């Protein structure tokens, strides 16, 4: 039996992402978030408009989406309730956030240079996606109480770095889902994936059939840089 319910949030479980961006002074900002999904080589991020990450991304048009494994949960948790904004935005202040400029140092993570964007990658994360901003959309634009508070940002991936430990044997362009153990957030708590529970009919479709034109675009751009 079901009953009517009004949960304050509808976060039923998505991967945790550490977004690295550059502050106005050129220093690196690192922020955890989990309102994200991917279609091909495009990602859609849901972020609060006043946050430092959002403002950095709008200003520079660049970021790296670093996906931590379950092994990095302690590092991610150390970033909770921190913001690169100074002063702390009102919406975060009453939740207990504090300003922290050295996010990498606090988390105990290592910044390494990206190839196509200025923000650094997180060395310890098995998945690192270099991305550029393609479009921005306001959420709840028709509602006076919500307008201007939340944004969805479309980013285009232009470089993918994968740890060898999560690749399918003999296939450098495929992730082995039995090896990849992403950190998942569900209703503000951390979880990991269990073992595979059933064969998937969709998995019978070759992954190459989903190949996005953005992959060729990214490769061509890199070849032009190297020429």
Protein backbone atom coordinates (compact mmCIF):
# COMPACT_ATOMS: atom_id res chain seq x y z
CA UNK A 1 0.00 0.00 0.00
CA UNK A 2 1.19 3.50 -0.80
CA UNK A 3 0.42 6.67 1.09
CA UNK A 4 0.68 10.32 0.23
CA UNK A 5 3.97 11.84 1.40
CA UNK A 6 5.76 15.19 1.26
CA UNK A 7 9.52 14.54 1.66
CA UNK A 8 11.54 17.75 1.73
CA UNK A 9 13.94 16.37 -0.88
CA UNK A 10 13.64 13.82 -3.67
CA UNK A 11 17.25 12.62 -3.81
CA UNK A 12 16.71 8.96 -4.56
CA UNK A 13 20.37 8.21 -5.31
CA UNK A 14 22.91 9.62 -7.77
CA UNK A 15 26.72 9.53 -8.10
CA UNK A 16 28.78 11.97 -6.07
CA UNK A 17 30.85 14.37 -8.17
CA UNK A 18 33.70 16.60 -7.06
CA UNK A 19 33.60 19.65 -9.33
CA UNK A 20 36.83 21.55 -9.67
CA UNK A 21 36.70 25.15 -10.92
CA UNK A 22 38.92 28.22 -10.73
CA UNK A 23 38.26 31.14 -8.37
CA UNK A 24 38.73 34.73 -9.52
CA UNK A 25 42.22 34.81 -8.00
CA UNK A 26 43.24 31.70 -9.96
CA UNK A 27 43.10 29.32 -7.00
CA UNK A 28 41.28 26.01 -7.32
CA UNK A 29 37.87 25.37 -5.82
CA UNK A 30 36.56 21.87 -5.19
CA UNK A 31 32.92 21.13 -4.34
CA UNK A 32 30.93 17.91 -3.86
CA UNK A 33 27.53 17.59 -5.50
CA UNK A 34 25.21 14.83 -6.68
CA UNK A 35 22.49 16.48 -8.78
CA UNK A 36 23.91 15.33 -12.10
CA UNK A 37 23.19 13.07 -15.06
CA UNK A 38 24.79 12.31 -18.42
CA UNK A 39 23.56 11.84 -21.98
CA UNK A 40 26.35 10.86 -24.34
CA UNK A 41 29.23 13.25 -23.73
CA UNK A 42 26.95 15.90 -22.24
CA UNK A 43 26.30 16.38 -18.55
CA UNK A 44 23.56 18.30 -16.77
CA UNK A 45 24.40 19.78 -13.38
CA UNK A 46 21.94 21.12 -10.84
CA UNK A 47 23.52 23.84 -8.68
CA UNK A 48 22.54 26.70 -6.43
CA UNK A 49 22.97 29.97 -8.33
CA UNK A 50 24.95 31.84 -5.62
CA UNK A 51 27.46 29.05 -4.94
CA UNK A 52 31.14 29.63 -5.66
CA UNK A 53 31.24 26.66 -8.02
CA UNK A 54 28.33 28.02 -10.04
CA UNK A 55 29.78 31.51 -10.24
CA UNK A 56 33.18 30.12 -11.27
CA UNK A 57 31.62 27.97 -13.97
CA UNK A 58 29.52 30.83 -15.33
CA UNK A 59 32.55 33.15 -15.39
CA UNK A 60 35.14 30.78 -16.90
CA UNK A 61 32.98 28.25 -18.73
CA UNK A 62 35.24 25.41 -17.58
CA UNK A 63 35.27 22.65 -14.96
CA UNK A 64 36.38 19.10 -14.27
CA UNK A 65 33.86 16.54 -13.05
CA UNK A 66 35.79 14.15 -10.83
CA UNK A 67 33.95 10.99 -9.78
CA UNK A 68 35.18 9.46 -6.53
CA UNK A 69 34.99 5.78 -5.73
CA UNK A 70 33.65 4.50 -2.42
CA UNK A 71 37.24 4.44 -1.14
CA UNK A 72 37.28 8.26 -1.12
CA UNK A 73 34.22 8.77 1.08
CA UNK A 74 36.24 10.25 3.96
CA UNK A 75 37.84 12.83 1.67
CA UNK A 76 34.46 13.81 0.24
CA UNK A 77 32.90 14.06 3.69
CA UNK A 78 35.63 16.46 4.83
CA UNK A 79 34.36 18.92 2.23
CA UNK A 80 30.84 18.89 3.63
CA UNK A 81 29.55 22.22 4.98
CA UNK A 82 32.37 24.16 3.30
CA UNK A 83 32.15 26.79 0.57
CA UNK A 84 34.64 28.83 -1.39
CA UNK A 85 32.37 31.87 -1.08
CA UNK A 86 33.31 34.66 1.30
CA UNK A 87 31.02 35.71 2.84
CA UNK A 88 28.98 32.52 3.06
CA UNK A 89 25.72 32.86 1.08
CA UNK A 90 22.68 33.30 3.32
CA UNK A 91 21.14 30.05 2.11
CA UNK A 92 24.18 28.11 3.31
CA UNK A 93 24.92 30.14 6.42
CA UNK A 94 21.92 28.89 8.36
CA UNK A 95 22.82 25.31 7.40
CA UNK A 96 26.20 25.65 9.12
CA UNK A 97 28.54 26.19 6.16
CA UNK A 98 31.91 27.92 6.57
CA UNK A 99 34.33 29.50 4.12
CA UNK A 100 37.27 27.28 3.11
CA UNK A 101 39.69 28.35 0.41
CA UNK A 102 42.03 25.34 0.43
CA UNK A 103 39.55 22.63 -0.48
CA UNK A 104 42.14 20.22 -1.88
CA UNK A 105 44.26 20.51 1.26
CA UNK A 106 41.27 20.01 3.56
CA UNK A 107 40.17 16.89 1.71
CA UNK A 108 43.70 15.51 1.42
CA UNK A 109 43.39 15.28 -2.36
CA UNK A 110 45.92 16.07 -5.07
CA UNK A 111 45.37 18.58 -7.90
CA UNK A 112 46.90 17.61 -11.24
CA UNK A 113 46.80 19.60 -14.50
CA UNK A 114 44.00 19.02 -16.99
CA UNK A 115 44.70 18.91 -20.73
CA UNK A 116 41.94 21.08 -22.20
CA UNK A 117 40.67 23.26 -19.34
CA UNK A 118 42.30 25.38 -16.64
CA UNK A 119 40.79 23.81 -13.47
CA UNK A 120 42.79 20.85 -12.11
CA UNK A 121 41.77 17.22 -12.02
CA UNK A 122 41.64 15.23 -8.77
CA UNK A 123 44.41 12.64 -9.02
CA UNK A 124 42.76 10.18 -6.64
CA UNK A 125 39.43 10.02 -8.50
CA UNK A 126 39.18 7.06 -10.92
CA UNK A 127 37.06 9.14 -13.33
CA UNK A 128 37.99 12.68 -14.42
CA UNK A 129 35.88 14.47 -17.04
CA UNK A 130 37.15 17.75 -18.45
CA UNK A 131 34.18 19.88 -19.50
CA UNK A 132 33.11 23.23 -20.91
CA UNK A 133 29.85 25.05 -20.32
CA UNK A 134 27.40 24.89 -23.23
CA UNK A 135 24.11 26.27 -21.84
CA UNK A 136 22.49 27.54 -18.66
CA UNK A 137 18.84 27.24 -17.72
CA UNK A 138 17.03 28.67 -14.73
CA UNK A 139 14.95 26.27 -12.67
CA UNK A 140 11.48 27.35 -11.61
CA UNK A 141 11.55 30.50 -13.72
CA UNK A 142 7.76 30.81 -13.56
CA UNK A 143 7.73 30.76 -9.74
CA UNK A 144 8.58 33.98 -7.92
CA UNK A 145 9.70 32.02 -4.84
CA UNK A 146 12.24 29.92 -6.78
CA UNK A 147 13.33 32.08 -9.71
CA UNK A 148 17.06 32.88 -9.65
CA UNK A 149 17.92 30.43 -6.89
CA UNK A 150 18.67 27.24 -8.85
CA UNK A 151 20.33 26.58 -12.19
CA UNK A 152 20.78 23.63 -14.50
CA UNK A 153 24.03 23.84 -16.42
CA UNK A 154 24.73 21.80 -19.54
CA UNK A 155 28.38 20.91 -19.97
CA UNK A 156 30.13 19.18 -22.86
CA UNK A 157 32.80 16.65 -22.01
CA UNK A 158 35.95 17.08 -24.06
CA UNK A 159 38.43 14.79 -22.32
CA UNK A 160 37.91 11.59 -20.29
CA UNK A 161 40.57 10.17 -17.96
CA UNK A 162 39.89 6.68 -16.55
CA UNK A 163 41.94 4.69 -14.08
CA UNK A 164 43.20 1.45 -15.63
CA UNK A 165 41.79 -0.40 -12.63
CA UNK A 166 38.19 0.19 -13.78
CA UNK A 167 38.63 -0.59 -17.49
CA UNK A 168 37.21 -3.70 -19.12
CA UNK A 169 40.08 -6.05 -19.93
CA UNK A 170 41.19 -5.57 -23.54
CA UNK A 171 38.88 -2.59 -24.08
CA UNK A 172 40.55 0.77 -23.31
CA UNK A 173 37.34 2.66 -24.16
CA UNK A 174 34.98 0.74 -21.91
CA UNK A 175 34.40 0.84 -18.17
CA UNK A 176 33.91 -2.51 -16.45
CA UNK A 177 30.83 -2.00 -14.23
CA UNK A 178 31.98 -4.90 -12.05
CA UNK A 179 35.16 -2.95 -11.22
CA UNK A 180 33.75 0.59 -10.97
CA UNK A 181 32.37 1.32 -7.52
CA UNK A 182 31.05 4.91 -7.53
CA UNK A 183 30.19 6.76 -4.37
CA UNK A 184 26.42 7.24 -4.28
CA UNK A 185 24.43 9.80 -2.29
CA UNK A 186 20.85 8.94 -1.38
CA UNK A 187 18.86 11.31 0.83
CA UNK A 188 22.13 12.90 2.05
CA UNK A 189 23.72 9.58 3.07
CA UNK A 190 26.63 7.77 1.41
CA UNK A 191 26.21 4.39 -0.25
CA UNK A 192 28.03 2.17 -2.72
CA UNK A 193 26.87 -0.24 -5.40
CA UNK A 194 26.38 -3.91 -4.67
CA UNK A 195 27.10 -6.77 -7.05
CA UNK A 196 25.26 -7.19 -10.35
CA UNK A 197 21.80 -8.57 -9.64
CA UNK A 198 20.48 -9.56 -13.09
CA UNK A 199 21.42 -9.76 -16.74
CA UNK A 200 20.42 -6.64 -18.68
CA UNK A 201 18.73 -6.74 -22.07
CA UNK A 202 20.04 -3.25 -22.83
CA UNK A 203 23.59 -4.47 -22.24
CA UNK A 204 23.26 -6.58 -25.41
CA UNK A 205 23.45 -3.36 -27.45
CA UNK A 206 27.09 -2.59 -28.35
CA UNK A 207 28.24 0.53 -26.53
CA UNK A 208 29.77 1.84 -29.76
CA UNK A 209 26.25 2.42 -31.09
CA UNK A 210 25.82 5.18 -28.51
CA UNK A 211 28.94 7.01 -29.64
CA UNK A 212 28.41 10.77 -29.56
CA UNK A 213 29.64 13.25 -32.22
CA UNK A 214 31.12 15.17 -29.28
CA UNK A 215 33.85 12.53 -29.06
CA UNK A 216 35.10 13.32 -32.57
CA UNK A 217 34.75 17.03 -31.85
CA UNK A 218 36.93 16.69 -28.76
CA UNK A 219 39.53 14.64 -30.60
CA UNK A 220 39.72 17.13 -33.50
CA UNK A 221 40.12 20.06 -31.09
CA UNK A 222 43.01 18.33 -29.33
CA UNK A 223 44.71 17.51 -32.64
CA UNK A 224 44.52 21.20 -33.62
CA UNK A 225 46.10 22.20 -30.29
CA UNK A 226 48.93 19.74 -30.81
CA UNK A 227 49.61 20.75 -34.40
